[in-house]
Amino acid sequence: MTSNLLSSSALDEETARAEIYGLLAQLFYQVPSPELLAQMRVAVTDAPMAGGFLEEPWRQVVAAARQSSDEEIANECNNLFGGVGKPEVYLYASHYVSGFLNDKPVARLREDLAALGLERDDSMSETEDHFACLCEVMRYLIAGDDVSVSNLTHQQTFFATHIQPWAQEMTEAIAKHPKAKFLVFWQNLPKHSLASRRKVLTY
């Protein structure tokens, strides 16, 4: 998916939030492609109104992409999230919620996804509790066409249950990591998006 956020300066807040989740899903699932990084380097950085939703953290992300080479970004992503054995930063809900991978939180998540009519694509190499997978679900719950599934109630429940309890700890781990240079700015996007989402979904 190529995000409209990379080329449009006239998005409403909900569309922007859905696009941010889509971009986060791409970044955290795998090393960003040269094509995506090239788009980012020429992306619009001004919101329709000064101080708009995520304007400053997005501007920082674009600046970081312009200052880093494709190879540097790939190495950074692999250093933090890849490699053989234990990654330096985990991207799985189960790790933060229960201390173990592929644990009870995954089973509950699968039940909730099934209730929404969603399931993991067999081609995906990661379990459903991977941050990228959860971001993609949130994108669908915000921007999907089926209003019986993609609605504020389901956004509220899914976010509060499967993202809010642990995602901030993950972003803080990225921010504190000495090898995070490009990613230290990317972690601001989920942090700001999560904060905004908490406000929207709190009654």
N, C-alpha and C. Protein backbone atom coordinates (compact mmCIF):
# COMPACT_ATOMS: atom_id res chain seq x y z
N MET A 1 0.84 -1.19 0.00
CA MET A 1 0.00 0.00 0.00
C MET A 1 0.88 1.25 0.00
N THR A 2 0.55 2.19 -0.87
CA THR A 2 1.24 3.47 -0.89
C THR A 2 0.34 4.50 -0.24
N SER A 3 0.79 5.09 0.82
CA SER A 3 -0.06 5.98 1.61
C SER A 3 -0.31 7.30 0.93
N ASN A 4 -1.59 7.76 0.97
CA ASN A 4 -1.93 9.08 0.47
C ASN A 4 -1.25 10.16 1.29
N LEU A 5 -0.87 9.83 2.52
CA LEU A 5 -0.23 10.82 3.39
C LEU A 5 1.06 11.33 2.78
N LEU A 6 1.67 10.54 1.90
CA LEU A 6 2.93 10.94 1.30
C LEU A 6 2.75 12.01 0.23
N SER A 7 1.53 12.17 -0.27
CA SER A 7 1.34 13.09 -1.38
C SER A 7 0.26 14.13 -1.17
N SER A 8 -0.58 13.97 -0.13
CA SER A 8 -1.70 14.88 0.04
C SER A 8 -1.52 15.77 1.26
N SER A 9 -1.95 17.03 1.14
CA SER A 9 -1.91 17.94 2.27
C SER A 9 -3.32 18.33 2.70
N ALA A 10 -4.33 17.61 2.20
CA ALA A 10 -5.72 17.99 2.47
C ALA A 10 -6.51 16.84 3.07
N LEU A 11 -5.91 16.08 3.94
CA LEU A 11 -6.58 14.94 4.54
C LEU A 11 -7.25 15.34 5.84
N ASP A 12 -8.45 14.79 6.08
CA ASP A 12 -9.07 15.03 7.37
C ASP A 12 -8.37 14.16 8.41
N GLU A 13 -8.65 14.43 9.67
CA GLU A 13 -7.90 13.78 10.75
C GLU A 13 -8.07 12.27 10.75
N GLU A 14 -9.27 11.77 10.54
CA GLU A 14 -9.49 10.32 10.56
C GLU A 14 -8.75 9.65 9.40
N THR A 15 -8.80 10.24 8.22
CA THR A 15 -8.07 9.67 7.09
C THR A 15 -6.57 9.69 7.36
N ALA A 16 -6.08 10.79 7.92
CA ALA A 16 -4.66 10.88 8.26
C ALA A 16 -4.27 9.80 9.26
N ARG A 17 -5.12 9.57 10.26
CA ARG A 17 -4.80 8.55 11.27
C ARG A 17 -4.76 7.16 10.63
N ALA A 18 -5.71 6.87 9.74
CA ALA A 18 -5.69 5.58 9.06
C ALA A 18 -4.43 5.42 8.23
N GLU A 19 -4.03 6.48 7.55
CA GLU A 19 -2.82 6.41 6.73
C GLU A 19 -1.56 6.25 7.59
N ILE A 20 -1.54 6.90 8.74
CA ILE A 20 -0.41 6.73 9.65
C ILE A 20 -0.30 5.28 10.10
N TYR A 21 -1.42 4.68 10.47
CA TYR A 21 -1.38 3.27 10.87
C TYR A 21 -0.89 2.39 9.72
N GLY A 22 -1.31 2.72 8.48
CA GLY A 22 -0.84 1.95 7.34
C GLY A 22 0.66 2.06 7.14
N LEU A 23 1.19 3.26 7.31
CA LEU A 23 2.63 3.46 7.19
C LEU A 23 3.39 2.74 8.31
N LEU A 24 2.86 2.82 9.52
CA LEU A 24 3.50 2.12 10.63
C LEU A 24 3.52 0.62 10.38
N ALA A 25 2.45 0.09 9.82
CA ALA A 25 2.40 -1.34 9.51
C ALA A 25 3.50 -1.71 8.52
N GLN A 26 3.70 -0.86 7.51
CA GLN A 26 4.76 -1.13 6.53
C GLN A 26 6.14 -1.07 7.15
N LEU A 27 6.39 -0.05 7.94
CA LEU A 27 7.72 0.12 8.52
C LEU A 27 8.08 -1.00 9.48
N PHE A 28 7.17 -1.33 10.38
CA PHE A 28 7.50 -2.28 11.43
C PHE A 28 7.40 -3.74 10.99
N TYR A 29 6.76 -3.98 9.84
CA TYR A 29 6.68 -5.37 9.36
C TYR A 29 7.97 -5.81 8.68
N GLN A 30 8.59 -4.90 7.96
CA GLN A 30 9.83 -5.23 7.26
C GLN A 30 10.62 -3.95 7.00
N VAL A 31 11.85 -4.13 6.56
CA VAL A 31 12.67 -2.97 6.22
C VAL A 31 11.96 -2.19 5.13
N PRO A 32 11.80 -0.87 5.30
CA PRO A 32 11.10 -0.08 4.28
C PRO A 32 11.81 -0.16 2.94
N SER A 33 11.02 -0.29 1.89
CA SER A 33 11.58 -0.44 0.55
C SER A 33 12.20 0.87 0.07
N PRO A 34 13.14 0.80 -0.88
CA PRO A 34 13.69 2.04 -1.46
C PRO A 34 12.61 2.92 -2.07
N GLU A 35 11.57 2.28 -2.65
CA GLU A 35 10.49 3.04 -3.25
C GLU A 35 9.73 3.85 -2.20
N LEU A 36 9.43 3.22 -1.05
CA LEU A 36 8.73 3.92 0.02
C LEU A 36 9.58 5.06 0.57
N LEU A 37 10.85 4.80 0.77
CA LEU A 37 11.74 5.84 1.30
C LEU A 37 11.87 7.01 0.32
N ALA A 38 11.91 6.70 -0.98
CA ALA A 38 11.99 7.76 -1.99
C ALA A 38 10.74 8.63 -1.94
N GLN A 39 9.57 8.01 -1.75
CA GLN A 39 8.33 8.77 -1.62
C GLN A 39 8.35 9.64 -0.37
N MET A 40 8.87 9.09 0.71
CA MET A 40 8.92 9.85 1.95
C MET A 40 9.78 11.09 1.82
N ARG A 41 10.87 10.97 1.08
CA ARG A 41 11.82 12.08 0.99
C ARG A 41 11.26 13.27 0.23
N VAL A 42 10.21 13.04 -0.56
CA VAL A 42 9.59 14.16 -1.28
C VAL A 42 8.17 14.41 -0.77
N ALA A 43 7.84 13.87 0.40
CA ALA A 43 6.47 13.96 0.92
C ALA A 43 6.14 15.36 1.39
N VAL A 44 4.85 15.69 1.31
CA VAL A 44 4.33 16.93 1.88
C VAL A 44 4.47 16.86 3.39
N THR A 45 4.92 17.93 4.01
CA THR A 45 5.09 17.93 5.47
C THR A 45 4.21 18.93 6.19
N ASP A 46 3.53 19.78 5.46
CA ASP A 46 2.67 20.78 6.09
C ASP A 46 1.24 20.28 6.16
N ALA A 47 0.62 20.40 7.33
CA ALA A 47 -0.79 20.07 7.48
C ALA A 47 -1.63 21.19 6.87
N PRO A 48 -2.91 20.90 6.54
CA PRO A 48 -3.77 21.95 5.99
C PRO A 48 -3.84 23.18 6.87
N MET A 49 -3.78 22.98 8.19
CA MET A 49 -3.74 24.10 9.13
C MET A 49 -2.50 23.96 10.00
N ALA A 50 -1.83 25.03 10.27
CA ALA A 50 -0.61 24.99 11.08
C ALA A 50 -0.88 24.31 12.41
N GLY A 51 0.05 23.41 12.81
CA GLY A 51 -0.13 22.69 14.06
C GLY A 51 -1.12 21.56 13.97
N GLY A 52 -1.43 21.12 12.75
CA GLY A 52 -2.42 20.07 12.55
C GLY A 52 -1.95 18.73 13.09
N PHE A 53 -2.84 17.76 12.96
CA PHE A 53 -2.63 16.42 13.49
C PHE A 53 -1.31 15.81 13.02
N LEU A 54 -0.42 15.51 13.97
CA LEU A 54 0.84 14.83 13.71
C LEU A 54 1.79 15.61 12.79
N GLU A 55 1.55 16.89 12.61
CA GLU A 55 2.37 17.65 11.66
C GLU A 55 3.85 17.62 12.04
N GLU A 56 4.17 17.93 13.30
CA GLU A 56 5.57 18.02 13.69
C GLU A 56 6.26 16.67 13.71
N PRO A 57 5.69 15.61 14.31
CA PRO A 57 6.38 14.31 14.25
C PRO A 57 6.54 13.79 12.82
N TRP A 58 5.54 14.05 11.95
CA TRP A 58 5.68 13.62 10.55
C TRP A 58 6.80 14.39 9.86
N ARG A 59 6.90 15.67 10.14
CA ARG A 59 7.98 16.49 9.57
C ARG A 59 9.34 15.94 10.00
N GLN A 60 9.46 15.51 11.24
CA GLN A 60 10.71 14.95 11.74
C GLN A 60 11.05 13.63 11.04
N VAL A 61 10.03 12.82 10.80
CA VAL A 61 10.24 11.55 10.11
C VAL A 61 10.75 11.78 8.70
N VAL A 62 10.13 12.70 7.98
CA VAL A 62 10.55 13.00 6.61
C VAL A 62 11.97 13.54 6.60
N ALA A 63 12.29 14.42 7.54
CA ALA A 63 13.65 14.95 7.63
C ALA A 63 14.66 13.84 7.89
N ALA A 64 14.31 12.91 8.77
CA ALA A 64 15.21 11.80 9.08
C ALA A 64 15.42 10.92 7.87
N ALA A 65 14.37 10.69 7.08
CA ALA A 65 14.51 9.89 5.86
C ALA A 65 15.43 10.58 4.86
N ARG A 66 15.35 11.89 4.78
CA ARG A 66 16.19 12.64 3.85
C ARG A 66 17.65 12.63 4.27
N GLN A 67 17.89 12.51 5.57
CA GLN A 67 19.26 12.57 6.09
C GLN A 67 19.94 11.20 6.16
N SER A 68 19.18 10.13 5.92
CA SER A 68 19.73 8.78 6.03
C SER A 68 19.66 8.07 4.67
N SER A 69 20.63 7.23 4.41
CA SER A 69 20.62 6.45 3.17
C SER A 69 19.74 5.21 3.35
N ASP A 70 19.35 4.59 2.25
CA ASP A 70 18.57 3.36 2.30
C ASP A 70 19.32 2.29 3.10
N GLU A 71 20.62 2.20 2.86
CA GLU A 71 21.42 1.19 3.54
C GLU A 71 21.48 1.44 5.04
N GLU A 72 21.64 2.68 5.44
CA GLU A 72 21.68 3.01 6.86
C GLU A 72 20.36 2.67 7.55
N ILE A 73 19.26 2.96 6.89
CA ILE A 73 17.94 2.66 7.46
C ILE A 73 17.72 1.16 7.55
N ALA A 74 18.10 0.43 6.50
CA ALA A 74 17.96 -1.03 6.51
C ALA A 74 18.78 -1.64 7.63
N ASN A 75 20.02 -1.18 7.80
CA ASN A 75 20.87 -1.72 8.86
C ASN A 75 20.28 -1.43 10.24
N GLU A 76 19.74 -0.24 10.40
CA GLU A 76 19.15 0.12 11.69
C GLU A 76 17.95 -0.77 12.02
N CYS A 77 17.08 -0.97 11.05
CA CYS A 77 15.91 -1.82 11.28
C CYS A 77 16.33 -3.25 11.61
N ASN A 78 17.29 -3.75 10.87
CA ASN A 78 17.76 -5.11 11.13
C ASN A 78 18.45 -5.22 12.48
N ASN A 79 19.21 -4.20 12.88
CA ASN A 79 19.89 -4.22 14.17
C ASN A 79 18.90 -4.25 15.34
N LEU A 80 17.83 -3.49 15.22
CA LEU A 80 16.87 -3.40 16.32
C LEU A 80 15.87 -4.55 16.34
N PHE A 81 15.36 -4.92 15.17
CA PHE A 81 14.23 -5.85 15.13
C PHE A 81 14.56 -7.21 14.54
N GLY A 82 15.68 -7.31 13.85
CA GLY A 82 16.00 -8.55 13.15
C GLY A 82 17.10 -9.35 13.82
N GLY A 83 17.82 -10.06 12.98
CA GLY A 83 18.92 -10.87 13.51
C GLY A 83 18.47 -12.24 13.96
N VAL A 84 19.45 -13.05 14.33
CA VAL A 84 19.18 -14.41 14.80
C VAL A 84 19.03 -14.39 16.32
N GLY A 85 18.00 -15.07 16.81
CA GLY A 85 17.79 -15.14 18.26
C GLY A 85 17.00 -13.95 18.77
N LYS A 86 17.34 -13.49 19.95
CA LYS A 86 16.60 -12.43 20.63
C LYS A 86 16.82 -11.08 19.96
N PRO A 87 15.75 -10.41 19.51
CA PRO A 87 15.90 -9.06 18.94
C PRO A 87 16.21 -8.05 20.04
N GLU A 88 16.78 -6.93 19.65
CA GLU A 88 17.11 -5.91 20.65
C GLU A 88 15.87 -5.17 21.11
N VAL A 89 14.86 -5.08 20.25
CA VAL A 89 13.56 -4.51 20.62
C VAL A 89 12.48 -5.44 20.11
N TYR A 90 11.62 -5.89 21.01
CA TYR A 90 10.51 -6.76 20.61
C TYR A 90 9.35 -5.94 20.08
N LEU A 91 8.64 -6.52 19.10
CA LEU A 91 7.49 -5.85 18.49
C LEU A 91 6.20 -6.65 18.72
N TYR A 92 6.20 -7.52 19.71
CA TYR A 92 5.07 -8.41 19.94
C TYR A 92 4.36 -8.06 21.25
N ALA A 93 3.04 -8.00 21.20
CA ALA A 93 2.25 -7.70 22.40
C ALA A 93 2.51 -8.70 23.51
N SER A 94 2.59 -9.98 23.16
CA SER A 94 2.75 -11.02 24.18
C SER A 94 4.00 -10.79 25.03
N HIS A 95 5.07 -10.33 24.40
CA HIS A 95 6.31 -10.10 25.15
C HIS A 95 6.10 -9.08 26.26
N TYR A 96 5.36 -8.02 25.97
CA TYR A 96 5.18 -6.95 26.94
C TYR A 96 4.06 -7.25 27.93
N VAL A 97 3.05 -7.98 27.49
CA VAL A 97 1.88 -8.24 28.35
C VAL A 97 2.11 -9.42 29.29
N SER A 98 2.70 -10.51 28.75
CA SER A 98 2.85 -11.72 29.57
C SER A 98 4.30 -12.11 29.81
N GLY A 99 5.23 -11.52 29.05
CA GLY A 99 6.64 -11.88 29.21
C GLY A 99 7.08 -13.03 28.34
N PHE A 100 6.15 -13.58 27.55
CA PHE A 100 6.46 -14.72 26.68
C PHE A 100 5.91 -14.45 25.29
N LEU A 101 6.55 -15.05 24.28
CA LEU A 101 6.07 -14.91 22.91
C LEU A 101 4.99 -15.94 22.61
N ASN A 102 4.07 -15.57 21.73
CA ASN A 102 3.00 -16.46 21.29
C ASN A 102 2.24 -17.05 22.47
N ASP A 103 1.91 -16.21 23.43
CA ASP A 103 1.28 -16.65 24.67
C ASP A 103 -0.23 -16.34 24.65
N LYS A 104 -0.85 -16.34 25.81
CA LYS A 104 -2.29 -16.17 25.93
C LYS A 104 -2.83 -14.92 25.24
N PRO A 105 -2.11 -13.77 25.26
CA PRO A 105 -2.65 -12.60 24.55
C PRO A 105 -2.91 -12.87 23.07
N VAL A 106 -2.12 -13.77 22.44
CA VAL A 106 -2.34 -14.08 21.03
C VAL A 106 -3.65 -14.84 20.85
N ALA A 107 -3.92 -15.76 21.77
CA ALA A 107 -5.16 -16.53 21.68
C ALA A 107 -6.38 -15.61 21.81
N ARG A 108 -6.32 -14.68 22.74
CA ARG A 108 -7.43 -13.74 22.90
C ARG A 108 -7.57 -12.85 21.68
N LEU A 109 -6.44 -12.41 21.14
CA LEU A 109 -6.45 -11.58 19.94
C LEU A 109 -7.10 -12.32 18.79
N ARG A 110 -6.76 -13.57 18.60
CA ARG A 110 -7.35 -14.35 17.51
C ARG A 110 -8.86 -14.47 17.66
N GLU A 111 -9.32 -14.62 18.88
CA GLU A 111 -10.77 -14.67 19.11
C GLU A 111 -11.43 -13.35 18.72
N ASP A 112 -10.80 -12.25 19.10
CA ASP A 112 -11.38 -10.94 18.79
C ASP A 112 -11.33 -10.65 17.29
N LEU A 113 -10.26 -11.07 16.63
CA LEU A 113 -10.18 -10.89 15.19
C LEU A 113 -11.25 -11.71 14.48
N ALA A 114 -11.46 -12.92 14.94
CA ALA A 114 -12.50 -13.76 14.34
C ALA A 114 -13.88 -13.14 14.50
N ALA A 115 -14.11 -12.51 15.65
CA ALA A 115 -15.39 -11.85 15.88
C ALA A 115 -15.60 -10.68 14.92
N LEU A 116 -14.49 -10.10 14.45
CA LEU A 116 -14.56 -9.00 13.47
C LEU A 116 -14.56 -9.51 12.04
N GLY A 117 -14.48 -10.82 11.88
CA GLY A 117 -14.42 -11.39 10.54
C GLY A 117 -13.06 -11.32 9.91
N LEU A 118 -12.02 -11.20 10.74
CA LEU A 118 -10.64 -11.06 10.25
C LEU A 118 -9.81 -12.26 10.67
N GLU A 119 -8.81 -12.58 9.88
CA GLU A 119 -7.87 -13.64 10.24
C GLU A 119 -6.53 -13.38 9.58
N ARG A 120 -5.52 -14.00 10.12
CA ARG A 120 -4.16 -13.83 9.62
C ARG A 120 -4.02 -14.45 8.25
N ASP A 121 -3.38 -13.72 7.34
CA ASP A 121 -3.06 -14.24 6.01
C ASP A 121 -1.95 -15.27 6.16
N ASP A 122 -2.11 -16.42 5.52
CA ASP A 122 -1.12 -17.49 5.64
C ASP A 122 0.25 -17.08 5.11
N SER A 123 0.29 -16.05 4.27
CA SER A 123 1.58 -15.62 3.72
C SER A 123 2.37 -14.78 4.70
N MET A 124 1.74 -14.34 5.80
CA MET A 124 2.43 -13.52 6.78
C MET A 124 3.33 -14.36 7.66
N SER A 125 4.54 -13.87 7.88
CA SER A 125 5.51 -14.63 8.68
C SER A 125 5.39 -14.33 10.17
N GLU A 126 4.67 -13.28 10.54
CA GLU A 126 4.58 -12.87 11.94
C GLU A 126 3.24 -13.28 12.55
N THR A 127 3.23 -13.44 13.87
CA THR A 127 1.98 -13.72 14.54
C THR A 127 1.12 -12.46 14.62
N GLU A 128 -0.15 -12.66 14.94
CA GLU A 128 -1.11 -11.57 14.90
C GLU A 128 -0.82 -10.46 15.88
N ASP A 129 -0.05 -10.73 16.94
CA ASP A 129 0.21 -9.70 17.94
C ASP A 129 1.42 -8.83 17.60
N HIS A 130 1.99 -9.02 16.42
CA HIS A 130 3.07 -8.15 15.97
C HIS A 130 2.51 -6.75 15.79
N PHE A 131 3.27 -5.72 16.18
CA PHE A 131 2.78 -4.36 16.13
C PHE A 131 2.29 -3.97 14.74
N ALA A 132 2.99 -4.41 13.70
CA ALA A 132 2.58 -4.08 12.33
C ALA A 132 1.20 -4.65 12.02
N CYS A 133 0.95 -5.87 12.46
CA CYS A 133 -0.36 -6.49 12.21
C CYS A 133 -1.47 -5.74 12.93
N LEU A 134 -1.20 -5.33 14.16
CA LEU A 134 -2.20 -4.58 14.92
C LEU A 134 -2.46 -3.22 14.30
N CYS A 135 -1.43 -2.59 13.76
CA CYS A 135 -1.61 -1.30 13.07
C CYS A 135 -2.48 -1.47 11.84
N GLU A 136 -2.28 -2.57 11.12
CA GLU A 136 -3.08 -2.80 9.93
C GLU A 136 -4.55 -3.03 10.29
N VAL A 137 -4.79 -3.70 11.40
CA VAL A 137 -6.17 -3.88 11.86
C VAL A 137 -6.79 -2.54 12.21
N MET A 138 -6.04 -1.69 12.92
CA MET A 138 -6.56 -0.37 13.27
C MET A 138 -6.85 0.45 12.01
N ARG A 139 -5.98 0.36 11.01
CA ARG A 139 -6.24 1.07 9.76
C ARG A 139 -7.56 0.63 9.16
N TYR A 140 -7.81 -0.67 9.18
CA TYR A 140 -9.06 -1.19 8.62
C TYR A 140 -10.26 -0.76 9.45
N LEU A 141 -10.13 -0.76 10.77
CA LEU A 141 -11.25 -0.36 11.62
C LEU A 141 -11.58 1.12 11.49
N ILE A 142 -10.62 1.91 11.05
CA ILE A 142 -10.86 3.34 10.83
C ILE A 142 -11.41 3.58 9.42
N ALA A 143 -10.81 2.92 8.42
CA ALA A 143 -11.07 3.29 7.02
C ALA A 143 -11.81 2.24 6.21
N GLY A 144 -12.14 1.10 6.81
CA GLY A 144 -12.83 0.06 6.06
C GLY A 144 -14.22 0.48 5.61
N ASP A 145 -14.74 -0.17 4.57
CA ASP A 145 -16.04 0.18 4.00
C ASP A 145 -17.22 -0.41 4.77
N ASP A 146 -17.00 -1.50 5.48
CA ASP A 146 -18.09 -2.16 6.21
C ASP A 146 -18.27 -1.48 7.57
N VAL A 147 -19.28 -0.61 7.68
CA VAL A 147 -19.46 0.17 8.92
C VAL A 147 -19.90 -0.70 10.09
N SER A 148 -20.36 -1.91 9.81
CA SER A 148 -20.70 -2.81 10.92
C SER A 148 -19.44 -3.31 11.63
N VAL A 149 -18.31 -3.23 10.95
CA VAL A 149 -17.02 -3.63 11.53
C VAL A 149 -16.15 -2.40 11.78
N SER A 150 -16.03 -1.56 10.76
CA SER A 150 -15.16 -0.38 10.85
C SER A 150 -15.93 0.78 11.45
N ASN A 151 -15.90 0.85 12.75
CA ASN A 151 -16.64 1.90 13.46
C ASN A 151 -15.92 2.25 14.75
N LEU A 152 -16.34 3.34 15.37
CA LEU A 152 -15.66 3.86 16.55
C LEU A 152 -15.70 2.88 17.72
N THR A 153 -16.79 2.16 17.87
CA THR A 153 -16.90 1.21 18.98
C THR A 153 -15.85 0.12 18.88
N HIS A 154 -15.69 -0.44 17.69
CA HIS A 154 -14.69 -1.48 17.50
C HIS A 154 -13.28 -0.93 17.61
N GLN A 155 -13.07 0.29 17.15
CA GLN A 155 -11.76 0.93 17.32
C GLN A 155 -11.43 1.05 18.81
N GLN A 156 -12.39 1.52 19.57
CA GLN A 156 -12.19 1.72 21.00
C GLN A 156 -11.83 0.42 21.69
N THR A 157 -12.61 -0.61 21.42
CA THR A 157 -12.40 -1.90 22.08
C THR A 157 -11.06 -2.52 21.69
N PHE A 158 -10.76 -2.52 20.40
CA PHE A 158 -9.53 -3.16 19.92
C PHE A 158 -8.31 -2.41 20.43
N PHE A 159 -8.34 -1.10 20.34
CA PHE A 159 -7.21 -0.31 20.81
C PHE A 159 -6.96 -0.50 22.30
N ALA A 160 -8.02 -0.39 23.09
CA ALA A 160 -7.87 -0.50 24.55
C ALA A 160 -7.42 -1.88 24.98
N THR A 161 -7.81 -2.90 24.23
CA THR A 161 -7.49 -4.27 24.61
C THR A 161 -6.13 -4.73 24.11
N HIS A 162 -5.80 -4.40 22.88
CA HIS A 162 -4.65 -5.03 22.23
C HIS A 162 -3.47 -4.11 21.94
N ILE A 163 -3.61 -2.79 22.08
CA ILE A 163 -2.51 -1.88 21.78
C ILE A 163 -2.14 -1.01 22.97
N GLN A 164 -3.11 -0.37 23.57
CA GLN A 164 -2.83 0.59 24.65
C GLN A 164 -2.04 0.00 25.81
N PRO A 165 -2.28 -1.26 26.23
CA PRO A 165 -1.56 -1.75 27.42
C PRO A 165 -0.05 -1.88 27.27
N TRP A 166 0.48 -1.89 26.05
CA TRP A 166 1.90 -2.20 25.90
C TRP A 166 2.66 -1.36 24.88
N ALA A 167 1.98 -0.71 23.93
CA ALA A 167 2.69 -0.06 22.82
C ALA A 167 3.60 1.07 23.27
N GLN A 168 3.21 1.80 24.31
CA GLN A 168 4.06 2.88 24.78
C GLN A 168 5.40 2.35 25.30
N GLU A 169 5.38 1.20 25.96
CA GLU A 169 6.63 0.60 26.44
C GLU A 169 7.54 0.26 25.26
N MET A 170 6.95 -0.22 24.17
CA MET A 170 7.72 -0.54 22.98
C MET A 170 8.35 0.72 22.38
N THR A 171 7.56 1.79 22.25
CA THR A 171 8.11 3.02 21.66
C THR A 171 9.19 3.62 22.54
N GLU A 172 9.06 3.48 23.84
CA GLU A 172 10.10 3.98 24.75
C GLU A 172 11.38 3.17 24.60
N ALA A 173 11.25 1.87 24.38
CA ALA A 173 12.43 1.03 24.16
C ALA A 173 13.18 1.45 22.90
N ILE A 174 12.43 1.79 21.86
CA ILE A 174 13.06 2.28 20.63
C ILE A 174 13.75 3.61 20.88
N ALA A 175 13.06 4.51 21.56
CA ALA A 175 13.61 5.85 21.80
C ALA A 175 14.91 5.80 22.59
N LYS A 176 15.03 4.85 23.50
CA LYS A 176 16.20 4.77 24.37
C LYS A 176 17.36 4.00 23.73
N HIS A 177 17.10 3.31 22.63
CA HIS A 177 18.13 2.45 22.06
C HIS A 177 19.22 3.28 21.39
N PRO A 178 20.48 3.01 21.70
CA PRO A 178 21.58 3.82 21.15
C PRO A 178 21.74 3.70 19.64
N LYS A 179 21.23 2.64 19.04
CA LYS A 179 21.36 2.46 17.59
C LYS A 179 20.20 3.09 16.82
N ALA A 180 19.20 3.61 17.53
CA ALA A 180 18.03 4.18 16.87
C ALA A 180 18.31 5.63 16.47
N LYS A 181 18.37 5.88 15.18
CA LYS A 181 18.58 7.24 14.67
C LYS A 181 17.39 7.63 13.78
N PHE A 182 17.19 6.89 12.71
CA PHE A 182 15.99 7.09 11.89
C PHE A 182 14.74 6.67 12.68
N LEU A 183 14.81 5.54 13.35
CA LEU A 183 13.65 5.00 14.06
C LEU A 183 13.27 5.80 15.29
N VAL A 184 14.21 6.56 15.83
CA VAL A 184 13.88 7.36 17.01
C VAL A 184 12.84 8.41 16.65
N PHE A 185 12.79 8.82 15.39
CA PHE A 185 11.75 9.76 14.95
C PHE A 185 10.47 9.02 14.58
N TRP A 186 10.62 7.82 14.03
CA TRP A 186 9.43 7.02 13.71
C TRP A 186 8.66 6.66 14.96
N GLN A 187 9.36 6.43 16.07
CA GLN A 187 8.63 6.03 17.28
C GLN A 187 7.74 7.16 17.78
N ASN A 188 8.01 8.40 17.36
CA ASN A 188 7.14 9.51 17.75
C ASN A 188 5.77 9.42 17.09
N LEU A 189 5.71 8.78 15.91
CA LEU A 189 4.41 8.66 15.23
C LEU A 189 3.45 7.77 16.00
N PRO A 190 3.83 6.54 16.35
CA PRO A 190 2.89 5.78 17.17
C PRO A 190 2.61 6.43 18.51
N LYS A 191 3.63 7.08 19.11
CA LYS A 191 3.41 7.71 20.41
C LYS A 191 2.35 8.81 20.31
N HIS A 192 2.48 9.68 19.30
CA HIS A 192 1.51 10.76 19.13
C HIS A 192 0.16 10.23 18.66
N SER A 193 0.20 9.23 17.78
CA SER A 193 -1.05 8.66 17.28
C SER A 193 -1.79 7.95 18.39
N LEU A 194 -1.07 7.24 19.24
CA LEU A 194 -1.70 6.56 20.36
C LEU A 194 -2.29 7.55 21.33
N ALA A 195 -1.57 8.64 21.59
CA ALA A 195 -2.08 9.65 22.51
C ALA A 195 -3.37 10.28 21.96
N SER A 196 -3.36 10.58 20.65
CA SER A 196 -4.55 11.16 20.04
C SER A 196 -5.68 10.15 20.05
N ARG A 197 -5.37 8.91 19.79
CA ARG A 197 -6.41 7.88 19.78
C ARG A 197 -7.03 7.71 21.16
N ARG A 198 -6.21 7.81 22.21
CA ARG A 198 -6.77 7.70 23.57
C ARG A 198 -7.79 8.81 23.81
N LYS A 199 -7.49 10.02 23.33
CA LYS A 199 -8.43 11.12 23.52
C LYS A 199 -9.72 10.88 22.76
N VAL A 200 -9.61 10.41 21.53
CA VAL A 200 -10.78 10.18 20.69
C VAL A 200 -11.65 9.06 21.27
N LEU A 201 -11.01 8.04 21.81
CA LEU A 201 -11.75 6.85 22.22
C LEU A 201 -12.12 6.86 23.71
N THR A 202 -11.85 7.93 24.39
CA THR A 202 -12.23 8.02 25.80
C THR A 202 -13.54 8.80 25.92
N TYR A 203 -14.51 8.12 26.47
CA TYR A 203 -15.81 8.77 26.63
C TYR A 203 -15.90 9.46 27.98
